[in-house]
PDB file of N, CA and C in Angstrom:
ATOM      1  N   MET A   1       0.799  -1.097   0.095  1.00  0.00           N
ATOM      2  CA  MET A   1      -0.019   0.044   0.046  1.00  0.00           C
ATOM      3  C   MET A   1       0.920   1.249  -0.009  1.00  0.00           C
ATOM      4  N   LEU A   2       0.461   2.323  -0.718  1.00  0.00           N
ATOM      5  CA  LEU A   2       1.160   3.596  -0.812  1.00  0.00           C
ATOM      6  C   LEU A   2       0.245   4.559  -0.133  1.00  0.00           C
ATOM      7  N   VAL A   3       0.893   5.516   0.469  1.00  0.00           N
ATOM      8  CA  VAL A   3       0.171   6.567   1.152  1.00  0.00           C
ATOM      9  C   VAL A   3       0.792   7.889   0.709  1.00  0.00           C
ATOM     10  N   ARG A   4      -0.003   8.737   0.213  1.00  0.00           N
ATOM     11  CA  ARG A   4       0.368  10.101  -0.137  1.00  0.00           C
ATOM     12  C   ARG A   4      -0.194  11.027   0.900  1.00  0.00           C
ATOM     13  N   SER A   5       0.658  11.838   1.619  1.00  0.00           N
ATOM     14  CA  SER A   5       0.215  12.867   2.541  1.00  0.00           C
ATOM     15  C   SER A   5       0.470  14.261   2.043  1.00  0.00           C
ATOM     16  N   ALA A   6      -0.599  15.111   2.285  1.00  0.00           N
ATOM     17  CA  ALA A   6      -0.436  16.458   1.909  1.00  0.00           C
ATOM     18  C   ALA A   6      -0.546  17.207   3.280  1.00  0.00           C
ATOM     19  N   PHE A   7       0.555  17.946   3.548  1.00  0.00           N
ATOM     20  CA  PHE A   7       0.622  18.703   4.890  1.00  0.00           C
ATOM     21  C   PHE A   7       0.324  20.249   4.505  1.00  0.00           C
ATOM     22  N   TRP A   8      -0.764  20.598   5.064  1.00  0.00           N
ATOM     23  CA  TRP A   8      -1.113  22.025   5.102  1.00  0.00           C
ATOM     24  C   TRP A   8      -0.323  22.711   6.298  1.00  0.00           C
ATOM     25  N   ILE A   9       0.785  23.339   5.936  1.00  0.00           N
ATOM     26  CA  ILE A   9       1.632  23.896   6.942  1.00  0.00           C
ATOM     27  C   ILE A   9       1.400  25.408   6.961  1.00  0.00           C
ATOM     28  N   GLY A  10       0.908  25.897   8.114  1.00  0.00           N
ATOM     29  CA  GLY A  10       0.704  27.337   8.231  1.00  0.00           C
ATOM     30  C   GLY A  10      -0.586  27.470   9.059  1.00  0.00           C
ATOM     31  N   THR A  11      -1.247  28.604   8.768  1.00  0.00           N
ATOM     32  CA  THR A  11      -2.509  28.912   9.530  1.00  0.00           C
ATOM     33  C   THR A  11      -3.512  29.584   8.574  1.00  0.00           C
ATOM     34  N   PRO A  12      -4.738  29.305   8.937  1.00  0.00           N
ATOM     35  CA  PRO A  12      -5.852  29.936   8.040  1.00  0.00           C
ATOM     36  C   PRO A  12      -5.807  31.372   8.357  1.00  0.00           C
ATOM     37  N   HIS A  13      -6.442  32.247   7.466  1.00  0.00           N
ATOM     38  CA  HIS A  13      -6.550  33.665   7.567  1.00  0.00           C
ATOM     39  C   HIS A  13      -7.425  33.875   8.813  1.00  0.00           C
ATOM     40  N   ALA A  14      -7.213  34.895   9.594  1.00  0.00           N
ATOM     41  CA  ALA A  14      -8.043  35.192  10.788  1.00  0.00           C
ATOM     42  C   ALA A  14      -9.476  35.256  10.396  1.00  0.00           C
ATOM     43  N   GLY A  15     -10.367  34.726  11.095  1.00  0.00           N
ATOM     44  CA  GLY A  15     -11.743  34.577  10.889  1.00  0.00           C
ATOM     45  C   GLY A  15     -12.258  33.742   9.792  1.00  0.00           C
ATOM     46  N   ARG A  16     -11.301  33.057   8.993  1.00  0.00           N
ATOM     47  CA  ARG A  16     -11.584  32.201   7.890  1.00  0.00           C
ATOM     48  C   ARG A  16     -11.466  30.644   8.302  1.00  0.00           C
ATOM     49  N   GLU A  17     -11.180  30.261   9.455  1.00  0.00           N
ATOM     50  CA  GLU A  17     -10.882  29.003   9.918  1.00  0.00           C
ATOM     51  C   GLU A  17     -11.947  28.067   9.523  1.00  0.00           C
ATOM     52  N   SER A  18     -13.125  28.339   9.890  1.00  0.00           N
ATOM     53  CA  SER A  18     -14.232  27.410   9.609  1.00  0.00           C
ATOM     54  C   SER A  18     -14.480  27.387   8.054  1.00  0.00           C
ATOM     55  N   ASP A  19     -14.304  28.511   7.331  1.00  0.00           N
ATOM     56  CA  ASP A  19     -14.472  28.398   5.861  1.00  0.00           C
ATOM     57  C   ASP A  19     -13.409  27.459   5.233  1.00  0.00           C
ATOM     58  N   LEU A  20     -12.147  27.525   5.761  1.00  0.00           N
ATOM     59  CA  LEU A  20     -11.153  26.697   5.172  1.00  0.00           C
ATOM     60  C   LEU A  20     -11.369  25.126   5.547  1.00  0.00           C
ATOM     61  N   ALA A  21     -11.638  24.803   6.785  1.00  0.00           N
ATOM     62  CA  ALA A  21     -11.941  23.554   7.121  1.00  0.00           C
ATOM     63  C   ALA A  21     -13.134  23.031   6.380  1.00  0.00           C
ATOM     64  N   ASP A  22     -14.177  23.846   6.107  1.00  0.00           N
ATOM     65  CA  ASP A  22     -15.336  23.415   5.357  1.00  0.00           C
ATOM     66  C   ASP A  22     -14.926  23.069   3.794  1.00  0.00           C
ATOM     67  N   ALA A  23     -14.099  23.943   3.402  1.00  0.00           N
ATOM     68  CA  ALA A  23     -13.600  23.716   1.972  1.00  0.00           C
ATOM     69  C   ALA A  23     -12.925  22.388   1.829  1.00  0.00           C
ATOM     70  N   ILE A  24     -12.046  22.050   2.813  1.00  0.00           N
ATOM     71  CA  ILE A  24     -11.256  20.808   2.807  1.00  0.00           C
ATOM     72  C   ILE A  24     -12.184  19.650   2.951  1.00  0.00           C
ATOM     73  N   ASP A  25     -13.116  19.673   4.002  1.00  0.00           N
ATOM     74  CA  ASP A  25     -13.970  18.566   4.323  1.00  0.00           C
ATOM     75  C   ASP A  25     -15.062  18.288   3.343  1.00  0.00           C
ATOM     76  N   THR A  26     -15.632  19.384   2.810  1.00  0.00           N
ATOM     77  CA  THR A  26     -16.871  19.235   1.911  1.00  0.00           C
ATOM     78  C   THR A  26     -16.668  19.341   0.408  1.00  0.00           C
ATOM     79  N   LYS A  27     -15.489  19.902   0.102  1.00  0.00           N
ATOM     80  CA  LYS A  27     -15.261  20.062  -1.388  1.00  0.00           C
ATOM     81  C   LYS A  27     -14.099  19.216  -1.814  1.00  0.00           C
ATOM     82  N   LEU A  28     -12.878  19.468  -1.155  1.00  0.00           N
ATOM     83  CA  LEU A  28     -11.658  18.782  -1.690  1.00  0.00           C
ATOM     84  C   LEU A  28     -11.787  17.258  -1.429  1.00  0.00           C
ATOM     85  N   ILE A  29     -11.904  16.778  -0.255  1.00  0.00           N
ATOM     86  CA  ILE A  29     -11.827  15.457   0.121  1.00  0.00           C
ATOM     87  C   ILE A  29     -12.863  14.629  -0.594  1.00  0.00           C
ATOM     88  N   PRO A  30     -14.150  15.079  -0.814  1.00  0.00           N
ATOM     89  CA  PRO A  30     -15.127  14.230  -1.561  1.00  0.00           C
ATOM     90  C   PRO A  30     -14.662  14.162  -2.986  1.00  0.00           C
ATOM     91  N   ALA A  31     -14.079  15.178  -3.537  1.00  0.00           N
ATOM     92  CA  ALA A  31     -13.713  15.129  -4.989  1.00  0.00           C
ATOM     93  C   ALA A  31     -12.503  14.189  -5.083  1.00  0.00           C
ATOM     94  N   MET A  32     -11.658  14.236  -4.151  1.00  0.00           N
ATOM     95  CA  MET A  32     -10.454  13.413  -4.256  1.00  0.00           C
ATOM     96  C   MET A  32     -10.854  11.829  -4.079  1.00  0.00           C
ATOM     97  N   ARG A  33     -11.879  11.559  -3.411  1.00  0.00           N
ATOM     98  CA  ARG A  33     -12.237  10.300  -3.221  1.00  0.00           C
ATOM     99  C   ARG A  33     -12.811   9.617  -4.611  1.00  0.00           C
ATOM    100  N   ARG A  34     -13.151  10.516  -5.539  1.00  0.00           N
ATOM    101  CA  ARG A  34     -13.469  10.089  -6.899  1.00  0.00           C
ATOM    102  C   ARG A  34     -12.296  10.025  -7.918  1.00  0.00           C
ATOM    103  N   PHE A  35     -11.169  10.289  -7.493  1.00  0.00           N
ATOM    104  CA  PHE A  35      -9.958  10.215  -8.357  1.00  0.00           C
ATOM    105  C   PHE A  35      -9.688   8.802  -8.736  1.00  0.00           C
ATOM    106  N   PRO A  36      -9.255   8.521  -9.986  1.00  0.00           N
ATOM    107  CA  PRO A  36      -8.926   7.084 -10.438  1.00  0.00           C
ATOM    108  C   PRO A  36      -7.721   6.674  -9.564  1.00  0.00           C
ATOM    109  N   GLY A  37      -7.785   5.392  -9.208  1.00  0.00           N
ATOM    110  CA  GLY A  37      -6.661   4.769  -8.361  1.00  0.00           C
ATOM    111  C   GLY A  37      -6.705   4.929  -6.933  1.00  0.00           C
ATOM    112  N   VAL A  38      -7.585   5.830  -6.417  1.00  0.00           N
ATOM    113  CA  VAL A  38      -7.641   6.130  -4.980  1.00  0.00           C
ATOM    114  C   VAL A  38      -8.550   5.098  -4.237  1.00  0.00           C
ATOM    115  N   GLN A  39      -8.073   4.614  -3.243  1.00  0.00           N
ATOM    116  CA  GLN A  39      -8.792   3.641  -2.389  1.00  0.00           C
ATOM    117  C   GLN A  39      -9.458   4.390  -1.227  1.00  0.00           C
ATOM    118  N   ALA A  40      -8.891   5.404  -0.652  1.00  0.00           N
ATOM    119  CA  ALA A  40      -9.412   6.193   0.486  1.00  0.00           C
ATOM    120  C   ALA A  40      -8.777   7.472   0.605  1.00  0.00           C
ATOM    121  N   VAL A  41      -9.464   8.528   1.112  1.00  0.00           N
ATOM    122  CA  VAL A  41      -8.902   9.762   1.513  1.00  0.00           C
ATOM    123  C   VAL A  41      -9.445  10.161   2.812  1.00  0.00           C
ATOM    124  N   HIS A  42      -8.423  10.686   3.608  1.00  0.00           N
ATOM    125  CA  HIS A  42      -8.942  11.215   5.021  1.00  0.00           C
ATOM    126  C   HIS A  42      -8.281  12.523   5.223  1.00  0.00           C
ATOM    127  N   ALA A  43      -9.076  13.439   5.898  1.00  0.00           N
ATOM    128  CA  ALA A  43      -8.411  14.680   6.411  1.00  0.00           C
ATOM    129  C   ALA A  43      -8.046  14.415   7.934  1.00  0.00           C
ATOM    130  N   LEU A  44      -6.879  14.729   8.425  1.00  0.00           N
ATOM    131  CA  LEU A  44      -6.625  14.483   9.850  1.00  0.00           C
ATOM    132  C   LEU A  44      -6.347  15.992  10.348  1.00  0.00           C
ATOM    133  N   TRP A  45      -7.098  16.145  11.380  1.00  0.00           N
ATOM    134  CA  TRP A  45      -7.122  17.463  12.112  1.00  0.00           C
ATOM    135  C   TRP A  45      -6.492  17.258  13.413  1.00  0.00           C
ATOM    136  N   PRO A  46      -5.387  18.130  13.703  1.00  0.00           N
ATOM    137  CA  PRO A  46      -4.673  17.981  14.989  1.00  0.00           C
ATOM    138  C   PRO A  46      -5.613  18.242  16.143  1.00  0.00           C
ATOM    139  N   GLN A  47      -5.541  17.407  17.162  1.00  0.00           N
ATOM    140  CA  GLN A  47      -6.232  17.642  18.359  1.00  0.00           C
ATOM    141  C   GLN A  47      -5.419  18.028  19.603  1.00  0.00           C
ATOM    142  N   ARG A  48      -4.192  17.470  19.557  1.00  0.00           N
ATOM    143  CA  ARG A  48      -3.314  17.782  20.614  1.00  0.00           C
ATOM    144  C   ARG A  48      -1.894  17.762  20.018  1.00  0.00           C
ATOM    145  N   ARG A  49      -0.993  18.708  20.480  1.00  0.00           N
ATOM    146  CA  ARG A  49       0.235  18.792  19.966  1.00  0.00           C
ATOM    147  C   ARG A  49       1.261  18.573  21.042  1.00  0.00           C
ATOM    148  N   GLU A  50       2.364  17.921  20.789  1.00  0.00           N
ATOM    149  CA  GLU A  50       3.417  17.530  21.800  1.00  0.00           C
ATOM    150  C   GLU A  50       4.732  17.661  21.266  1.00  0.00           C
ATOM    151  N   ASP A  51       5.687  18.144  22.026  1.00  0.00           N
ATOM    152  CA  ASP A  51       7.038  18.297  21.716  1.00  0.00           C
ATOM    153  C   ASP A  51       7.359  19.290  20.581  1.00  0.00           C
ATOM    154  N   ASP A  52       6.549  20.318  20.553  1.00  0.00           N
ATOM    155  CA  ASP A  52       6.868  21.445  19.517  1.00  0.00           C
ATOM    156  C   ASP A  52       7.037  21.013  18.125  1.00  0.00           C
ATOM    157  N   PRO A  53       5.836  20.362  17.576  1.00  0.00           N
ATOM    158  CA  PRO A  53       5.758  19.821  16.167  1.00  0.00           C
ATOM    159  C   PRO A  53       5.664  21.116  15.206  1.00  0.00           C
ATOM    160  N   PRO A  54       5.885  20.839  13.938  1.00  0.00           N
ATOM    161  CA  PRO A  54       5.733  21.900  12.912  1.00  0.00           C
ATOM    162  C   PRO A  54       4.276  22.312  12.894  1.00  0.00           C
ATOM    163  N   SER A  55       3.933  23.478  12.358  1.00  0.00           N
ATOM    164  CA  SER A  55       2.692  24.135  12.444  1.00  0.00           C
ATOM    165  C   SER A  55       1.802  23.422  11.218  1.00  0.00           C
ATOM    166  N   ILE A  56       1.367  22.283  11.482  1.00  0.00           N
ATOM    167  CA  ILE A  56       0.575  21.548  10.494  1.00  0.00           C
ATOM    168  C   ILE A  56      -0.862  21.829  10.854  1.00  0.00           C
ATOM    169  N   TYR A  57      -1.536  22.538   9.883  1.00  0.00           N
ATOM    170  CA  TYR A  57      -2.981  22.783  10.181  1.00  0.00           C
ATOM    171  C   TYR A  57      -3.829  21.578   9.967  1.00  0.00           C
ATOM    172  N   CYS A  58      -3.510  20.873   8.802  1.00  0.00           N
ATOM    173  CA  CYS A  58      -4.257  19.653   8.477  1.00  0.00           C
ATOM    174  C   CYS A  58      -3.306  18.750   7.620  1.00  0.00           C
ATOM    175  N   GLN A  59      -3.617  17.500   7.775  1.00  0.00           N
ATOM    176  CA  GLN A  59      -2.978  16.464   6.847  1.00  0.00           C
ATOM    177  C   GLN A  59      -3.930  15.776   6.175  1.00  0.00           C
ATOM    178  N   VAL A  60      -3.863  15.707   4.803  1.00  0.00           N
ATOM    179  CA  VAL A  60      -4.653  14.991   3.967  1.00  0.00           C
ATOM    180  C   VAL A  60      -3.925  13.676   3.605  1.00  0.00           C
ATOM    181  N   VAL A  61      -4.560  12.471   3.790  1.00  0.00           N
ATOM    182  CA  VAL A  61      -3.989  11.162   3.484  1.00  0.00           C
ATOM    183  C   VAL A  61      -4.650  10.565   2.398  1.00  0.00           C
ATOM    184  N   VAL A  62      -3.994   9.960   1.333  1.00  0.00           N
ATOM    185  CA  VAL A  62      -4.567   9.396   0.301  1.00  0.00           C
ATOM    186  C   VAL A  62      -4.008   8.022   0.151  1.00  0.00           C
ATOM    187  N   LEU A  63      -4.722   6.891   0.103  1.00  0.00           N
ATOM    188  CA  LEU A  63      -4.294   5.569  -0.027  1.00  0.00           C
ATOM    189  C   LEU A  63      -4.449   5.013  -1.366  1.00  0.00           C
ATOM    190  N   PHE A  64      -3.448   4.290  -1.690  1.00  0.00           N
ATOM    191  CA  PHE A  64      -3.256   3.540  -3.119  1.00  0.00           C
ATOM    192  C   PHE A  64      -2.864   2.228  -2.924  1.00  0.00           C
ATOM    193  N   GLU A  65      -3.278   1.269  -3.780  1.00  0.00           N
ATOM    194  CA  GLU A  65      -2.790  -0.134  -3.807  1.00  0.00           C
ATOM    195  C   GLU A  65      -1.458  -0.220  -4.510  1.00  0.00           C
ATOM    196  N   SER A  66      -1.183   0.619  -5.489  1.00  0.00           N
ATOM    197  CA  SER A  66       0.000   0.461  -6.150  1.00  0.00           C
ATOM    198  C   SER A  66       0.677   1.745  -6.633  1.00  0.00           C
ATOM    199  N   THR A  67       1.778   1.829  -7.105  1.00  0.00           N
ATOM    200  CA  THR A  67       2.540   2.954  -7.671  1.00  0.00           C
ATOM    201  C   THR A  67       1.720   3.375  -8.945  1.00  0.00           C
ATOM    202  N   GLU A  68       1.236   2.411  -9.789  1.00  0.00           N
ATOM    203  CA  GLU A  68       0.463   2.685 -10.954  1.00  0.00           C
ATOM    204  C   GLU A  68      -0.807   3.459 -10.582  1.00  0.00           C
ATOM    205  N   ASP A  69      -1.392   3.150  -9.533  1.00  0.00           N
ATOM    206  CA  ASP A  69      -2.643   3.677  -8.996  1.00  0.00           C
ATOM    207  C   ASP A  69      -2.357   5.201  -8.723  1.00  0.00           C
ATOM    208  N   MET A  70      -1.268   5.394  -8.029  1.00  0.00           N
ATOM    209  CA  MET A  70      -0.800   6.717  -7.648  1.00  0.00           C
ATOM    210  C   MET A  70      -0.528   7.651  -8.959  1.00  0.00           C
ATOM    211  N   GLN A  71       0.179   7.001  -9.818  1.00  0.00           N
ATOM    212  CA  GLN A  71       0.516   7.677 -11.035  1.00  0.00           C
ATOM    213  C   GLN A  71      -0.774   8.054 -11.901  1.00  0.00           C
ATOM    214  N   ALA A  72      -1.711   7.148 -11.813  1.00  0.00           N
ATOM    215  CA  ALA A  72      -2.943   7.373 -12.525  1.00  0.00           C
ATOM    216  C   ALA A  72      -3.675   8.607 -11.871  1.00  0.00           C
ATOM    217  N   MET A  73      -3.665   8.737 -10.611  1.00  0.00           N
ATOM    218  CA  MET A  73      -4.316   9.826  -9.905  1.00  0.00           C
ATOM    219  C   MET A  73      -3.577  11.126 -10.197  1.00  0.00           C
ATOM    220  N   LEU A  74      -2.237  11.082 -10.161  1.00  0.00           N
ATOM    221  CA  LEU A  74      -1.436  12.267 -10.358  1.00  0.00           C
ATOM    222  C   LEU A  74      -1.541  12.907 -11.856  1.00  0.00           C
ATOM    223  N   GLN A  75      -1.847  12.004 -12.737  1.00  0.00           N
ATOM    224  CA  GLN A  75      -1.952  12.521 -14.212  1.00  0.00           C
ATOM    225  C   GLN A  75      -3.376  12.579 -14.560  1.00  0.00           C
ATOM    226  N   SER A  76      -4.348  12.427 -13.666  1.00  0.00           N
ATOM    227  CA  SER A  76      -5.814  12.433 -14.090  1.00  0.00           C
ATOM    228  C   SER A  76      -6.376  13.793 -14.396  1.00  0.00           C
ATOM    229  N   ASP A  77      -7.270  13.754 -15.220  1.00  0.00           N
ATOM    230  CA  ASP A  77      -8.129  14.971 -15.607  1.00  0.00           C
ATOM    231  C   ASP A  77      -8.832  15.522 -14.348  1.00  0.00           C
ATOM    232  N   GLU A  78      -9.301  14.556 -13.548  1.00  0.00           N
ATOM    233  CA  GLU A  78     -10.156  14.860 -12.344  1.00  0.00           C
ATOM    234  C   GLU A  78      -9.242  15.638 -11.426  1.00  0.00           C
ATOM    235  N   ARG A  79      -7.951  15.298 -11.172  1.00  0.00           N
ATOM    236  CA  ARG A  79      -7.031  16.047 -10.301  1.00  0.00           C
ATOM    237  C   ARG A  79      -6.846  17.463 -10.898  1.00  0.00           C
ATOM    238  N   ALA A  80      -6.656  17.590 -12.175  1.00  0.00           N
ATOM    239  CA  ALA A  80      -6.456  18.893 -12.852  1.00  0.00           C
ATOM    240  C   ALA A  80      -7.623  19.732 -12.751  1.00  0.00           C
ATOM    241  N   ALA A  81      -8.794  19.087 -12.796  1.00  0.00           N
ATOM    242  CA  ALA A  81     -10.083  19.823 -12.654  1.00  0.00           C
ATOM    243  C   ALA A  81     -10.306  20.466 -11.301  1.00  0.00           C
ATOM    244  N   LEU A  82      -9.703  19.729 -10.224  1.00  0.00           N
ATOM    245  CA  LEU A  82      -9.879  20.202  -8.857  1.00  0.00           C
ATOM    246  C   LEU A  82      -8.832  21.334  -8.488  1.00  0.00           C
ATOM    247  N   ARG A  83      -7.819  21.590  -9.261  1.00  0.00           N
ATOM    248  CA  ARG A  83      -6.875  22.555  -8.942  1.00  0.00           C
ATOM    249  C   ARG A  83      -7.513  23.883  -8.609  1.00  0.00           C
ATOM    250  N   PRO A  84      -8.438  24.484  -9.449  1.00  0.00           N
ATOM    251  CA  PRO A  84      -9.039  25.794  -8.938  1.00  0.00           C
ATOM    252  C   PRO A  84      -9.711  25.845  -7.608  1.00  0.00           C
ATOM    253  N   GLN A  85     -10.318  24.704  -7.154  1.00  0.00           N
ATOM    254  CA  GLN A  85     -10.881  24.687  -5.786  1.00  0.00           C
ATOM    255  C   GLN A  85      -9.684  24.542  -4.779  1.00  0.00           C
ATOM    256  N   VAL A  86      -8.635  23.923  -5.036  1.00  0.00           N
ATOM    257  CA  VAL A  86      -7.455  23.864  -4.188  1.00  0.00           C
ATOM    258  C   VAL A  86      -6.904  25.332  -4.004  1.00  0.00           C
ATOM    259  N   GLY A  87      -6.901  25.992  -5.156  1.00  0.00           N
ATOM    260  CA  GLY A  87      -6.370  27.467  -5.145  1.00  0.00           C
ATOM    261  C   GLY A  87      -7.320  28.239  -4.321  1.00  0.00           C
ATOM    262  N   ALA A  88      -8.621  28.091  -4.464  1.00  0.00           N
ATOM    263  CA  ALA A  88      -9.567  28.928  -3.709  1.00  0.00           C
ATOM    264  C   ALA A  88      -9.397  28.569  -2.234  1.00  0.00           C
ATOM    265  N   ALA A  89      -9.107  27.347  -1.780  1.00  0.00           N
ATOM    266  CA  ALA A  89      -8.826  27.015  -0.324  1.00  0.00           C
ATOM    267  C   ALA A  89      -7.537  27.610   0.096  1.00  0.00           C
ATOM    268  N   MET A  90      -6.528  27.539  -0.840  1.00  0.00           N
ATOM    269  CA  MET A  90      -5.277  28.193  -0.403  1.00  0.00           C
ATOM    270  C   MET A  90      -5.263  29.714  -0.269  1.00  0.00           C
ATOM    271  N   ALA A  91      -6.360  30.331  -0.930  1.00  0.00           N
ATOM    272  CA  ALA A  91      -6.453  31.786  -0.804  1.00  0.00           C
ATOM    273  C   ALA A  91      -6.888  32.179   0.665  1.00  0.00           C
ATOM    274  N   LEU A  92      -7.458  31.133   1.355  1.00  0.00           N
ATOM    275  CA  LEU A  92      -7.897  31.218   2.772  1.00  0.00           C
ATOM    276  C   LEU A  92      -6.741  31.009   3.889  1.00  0.00           C
ATOM    277  N   PHE A  93      -5.647  30.728   3.250  1.00  0.00           N
ATOM    278  CA  PHE A  93      -4.503  30.142   4.161  1.00  0.00           C
ATOM    279  C   PHE A  93      -3.237  30.839   4.072  1.00  0.00           C
ATOM    280  N   ASP A  94      -2.486  31.024   5.061  1.00  0.00           N
ATOM    281  CA  ASP A  94      -1.139  31.577   5.069  1.00  0.00           C
ATOM    282  C   ASP A  94      -0.173  30.398   5.278  1.00  0.00           C
ATOM    283  N   GLY A  95       0.362  29.945   4.237  1.00  0.00           N
ATOM    284  CA  GLY A  95       1.289  28.807   4.373  1.00  0.00           C
ATOM    285  C   GLY A  95       1.400  28.112   3.070  1.00  0.00           C
ATOM    286  N   ARG A  96       1.797  26.847   3.131  1.00  0.00           N
ATOM    287  CA  ARG A  96       2.040  26.010   1.982  1.00  0.00           C
ATOM    288  C   ARG A  96       1.461  24.665   2.118  1.00  0.00           C
ATOM    289  N   VAL A  97       1.400  23.890   0.977  1.00  0.00           N
ATOM    290  CA  VAL A  97       1.065  22.539   1.097  1.00  0.00           C
ATOM    291  C   VAL A  97       2.312  21.772   0.524  1.00  0.00           C
ATOM    292  N   SER A  98       2.781  20.708   1.376  1.00  0.00           N
ATOM    293  CA  SER A  98       3.818  19.942   0.909  1.00  0.00           C
ATOM    294  C   SER A  98       3.458  18.479   0.971  1.00  0.00           C
ATOM    295  N   HIS A  99       4.156  17.637   0.113  1.00  0.00           N
ATOM    296  CA  HIS A  99       3.630  16.217  -0.003  1.00  0.00           C
ATOM    297  C   HIS A  99       4.802  15.364   0.295  1.00  0.00           C
ATOM    298  N   ILE A 100       4.390  14.149   0.908  1.00  0.00           N
ATOM    299  CA  ILE A 100       5.338  13.018   1.145  1.00  0.00           C
ATOM    300  C   ILE A 100       4.643  11.808   0.770  1.00  0.00           C
ATOM    301  N   ASP A 101       5.269  11.001  -0.014  1.00  0.00           N
ATOM    302  CA  ASP A 101       4.677   9.717  -0.354  1.00  0.00           C
ATOM    303  C   ASP A 101       5.380   8.634   0.424  1.00  0.00           C
ATOM    304  N   TYR A 102       4.532   7.707   0.973  1.00  0.00           N
ATOM    305  CA  TYR A 102       5.105   6.672   1.864  1.00  0.00           C
ATOM    306  C   TYR A 102       4.767   5.262   1.373  1.00  0.00           C
ATOM    307  N   GLN A 103       5.614   4.268   1.668  1.00  0.00           N
ATOM    308  CA  GLN A 103       5.362   2.885   1.489  1.00  0.00           C
ATOM    309  C   GLN A 103       4.906   2.283   2.798  1.00  0.00           C
ATOM    310  N   ALA A 104       3.732   1.731   2.892  1.00  0.00           N
ATOM    311  CA  ALA A 104       3.198   1.206   4.136  1.00  0.00           C
ATOM    312  C   ALA A 104       3.687  -0.234   4.168  1.00  0.00           C
ATOM    313  N   ARG A 105       4.153  -0.623   5.243  1.00  0.00           N
ATOM    314  CA  ARG A 105       4.569  -2.142   5.431  1.00  0.00           C
ATOM    315  C   ARG A 105       4.003  -2.796   6.492  1.00  0.00           C
TER     316      ARG A 105
END
């Protein structure tokens, strides 16, 4: 199994916290669940922080069965079509999104 994590590192614009969380939970995540090759998508919201971690606002985790499935998602028209909605969500955010791909064992 492969896991692709998107780390939203930073903070929402003041007063826009619920708008950003809503955009991720109700627009981005449901759309990503329909991408080709995707087995599951979850948004992880920090509840408790310990030992001075980085400022991760949200982590989006996408699960794949194979490298081919991940590549299909990365090259899909569905992913390209979602980019404007990702941009709209990023407009509510002071920070960046970084990705790490993992092999689950």
